[in-house]
Each structure stands twice: as structure tokens, then as C-alpha cells.
Protein backbone atom coordinates (compact mmCIF):
# COMPACT_ATOMS: atom_id res chain seq x y z
CA MET A 1 99.25 73.83 88.97
CA LYS A 2 102.86 72.86 88.50
CA VAL A 3 104.73 74.42 85.71
CA LYS A 4 106.23 71.41 83.78
CA TRP A 5 106.57 72.88 80.41
CA LEU A 6 110.12 74.39 79.33
CA LEU A 7 110.26 77.52 77.28
CA VAL A 8 112.14 76.24 74.39
CA GLY A 9 115.21 77.78 72.59
CA LEU A 10 116.68 79.63 75.49
CA LEU A 11 119.84 77.62 75.85
CA SER A 12 121.60 79.52 73.18
CA ALA A 13 120.38 83.01 74.48
CA PRO A 14 122.68 85.12 76.60
CA SER A 15 121.41 84.89 80.10
CA PHE A 16 122.17 86.45 83.59
CA ALA A 17 120.51 86.06 86.95
CA ILE A 18 117.33 88.20 87.08
CA PRO A 19 116.79 89.88 90.43
CA VAL A 20 113.21 89.43 91.82
CA GLU A 21 112.18 92.80 93.40
CA ASN A 22 111.46 92.85 97.17
CA ASP A 23 107.91 93.78 96.58
CA ALA A 24 107.34 91.38 93.67
CA VAL A 25 103.90 89.77 93.34
CA ILE A 26 104.80 86.12 92.31
CA SER A 27 101.78 83.60 91.98
CA LYS A 28 101.85 80.84 94.59
CA ASP A 29 102.27 78.37 91.53
CA PHE A 30 105.57 79.91 90.75
CA GLU A 31 107.16 80.82 94.07
CA ASN A 32 110.79 79.75 94.54
CA ASN A 33 111.29 78.87 90.99
CA PRO A 34 114.40 80.90 89.77
CA GLN A 35 114.84 78.79 86.69
CA LEU A 36 111.29 79.78 85.57
CA TYR A 37 112.16 83.44 86.21
CA GLU A 38 115.20 83.23 84.15
CA GLU A 39 113.49 81.50 81.25
CA VAL A 40 110.66 84.08 81.18
CA ALA A 41 113.15 86.97 81.43
CA ASN A 42 115.41 85.60 78.60
CA LEU A 43 112.38 84.97 76.39
CA ILE A 44 111.25 88.55 76.98
CA ARG A 45 114.75 89.76 75.95
CA LEU A 46 114.88 87.42 72.74
CA TYR A 47 112.00 89.28 71.47
CA GLY A 48 114.01 92.67 71.98
CA TYR A 49 112.13 93.86 75.15
CA LYS A 50 113.58 95.10 78.53
CA CYS A 51 113.38 92.84 81.58
CA ASP A 52 116.13 93.84 84.12
CA SER A 53 114.13 92.90 87.31
CA LEU A 54 111.02 90.86 87.89
CA SER A 55 108.08 92.69 89.51
CA ALA A 56 105.37 90.04 89.02
CA LEU A 57 104.60 86.83 87.47
CA ARG A 58 101.25 85.01 87.21
CA PRO A 59 99.72 82.37 84.99
CA MET A 60 97.26 83.60 82.27
CA VAL A 61 93.55 82.91 83.07
CA PHE A 62 92.12 81.82 79.76
CA SER A 63 95.13 80.55 77.82
CA ARG A 64 98.46 78.67 78.39
CA GLY A 65 101.06 81.22 79.25
CA PHE A 66 102.22 83.87 81.70
CA VAL A 67 101.88 87.55 82.51
CA ALA A 68 105.22 88.93 83.58
CA VAL A 69 105.90 92.56 84.78
CA CYS A 70 109.33 93.93 84.82
CA ASN A 71 111.57 96.83 85.85
CA ARG A 72 109.67 98.18 88.81
CA PHE A 73 106.24 97.61 87.35
CA SER A 74 107.16 99.62 84.23
CA TYR A 75 106.60 96.84 81.59
CA THR A 76 103.94 94.20 81.44
CA TYR A 77 104.29 91.33 78.91
CA GLU A 78 102.02 88.49 77.89
CA ILE A 79 104.03 85.24 77.17
CA GLU A 80 101.59 82.86 75.42
CA ASP A 81 101.80 79.49 73.81
CA LYS A 82 100.42 79.96 70.21
CA GLY A 83 100.56 76.76 68.13
CA GLY A 84 103.43 75.30 70.11
CA ARG A 85 105.63 78.54 69.85
CA TRP A 86 105.96 80.93 72.76
CA VAL A 87 105.00 84.52 71.71
CA VAL A 88 105.82 87.51 73.77
CA THR A 89 103.82 90.66 73.50
CA LEU A 90 104.08 93.97 75.31
CA ASP A 91 100.75 94.73 77.02
């Protein structure tokens, strides 16, 4: 599965390169895609949550979206497309 959708609304968000942890668990679908990592982290931050480093990233199983884990596996987020809008929830 190739990620072809762009997380919208991030161009105006402050961003910085998110470190990917050495032991990060990244889905094969998302390997070597630093732009996606940045967009996921920026969207999490736009919702007011912390994501200083990426521990894991995988696609959701039953809906369109991602599960992201940040800060040494401390925080798990669901990033889901709901009605054409990306919604971030702390899991």
C-alpha cells in the first residue's frame, strides 16, 4: 500500500525534523518516508500533543489512518480520516 494522501493543513504549522528512534517499529509501507513522519508528527503537535521522536508508525487496520507512537513508546496516537478531516486522538 503506497501512501498517496497528504495530511492537509500542515504547511503553516511550525515544523522541525523529527528523529526516528533506533529501535523504531515502522511499517514496511512507510519505511524511508521522512516527509510522512514529519506530517504525522506535525499533525499530532497541532492537536496539542507531544511527539518529539517517532517510536512506531503503522497503518490502521479497519479505517483510513495511522497509529503513531512517540517519545520512547510513551504516547500512542490514532490519526484517522473522519469525513475528510484528519483527527488525532490519544490512545
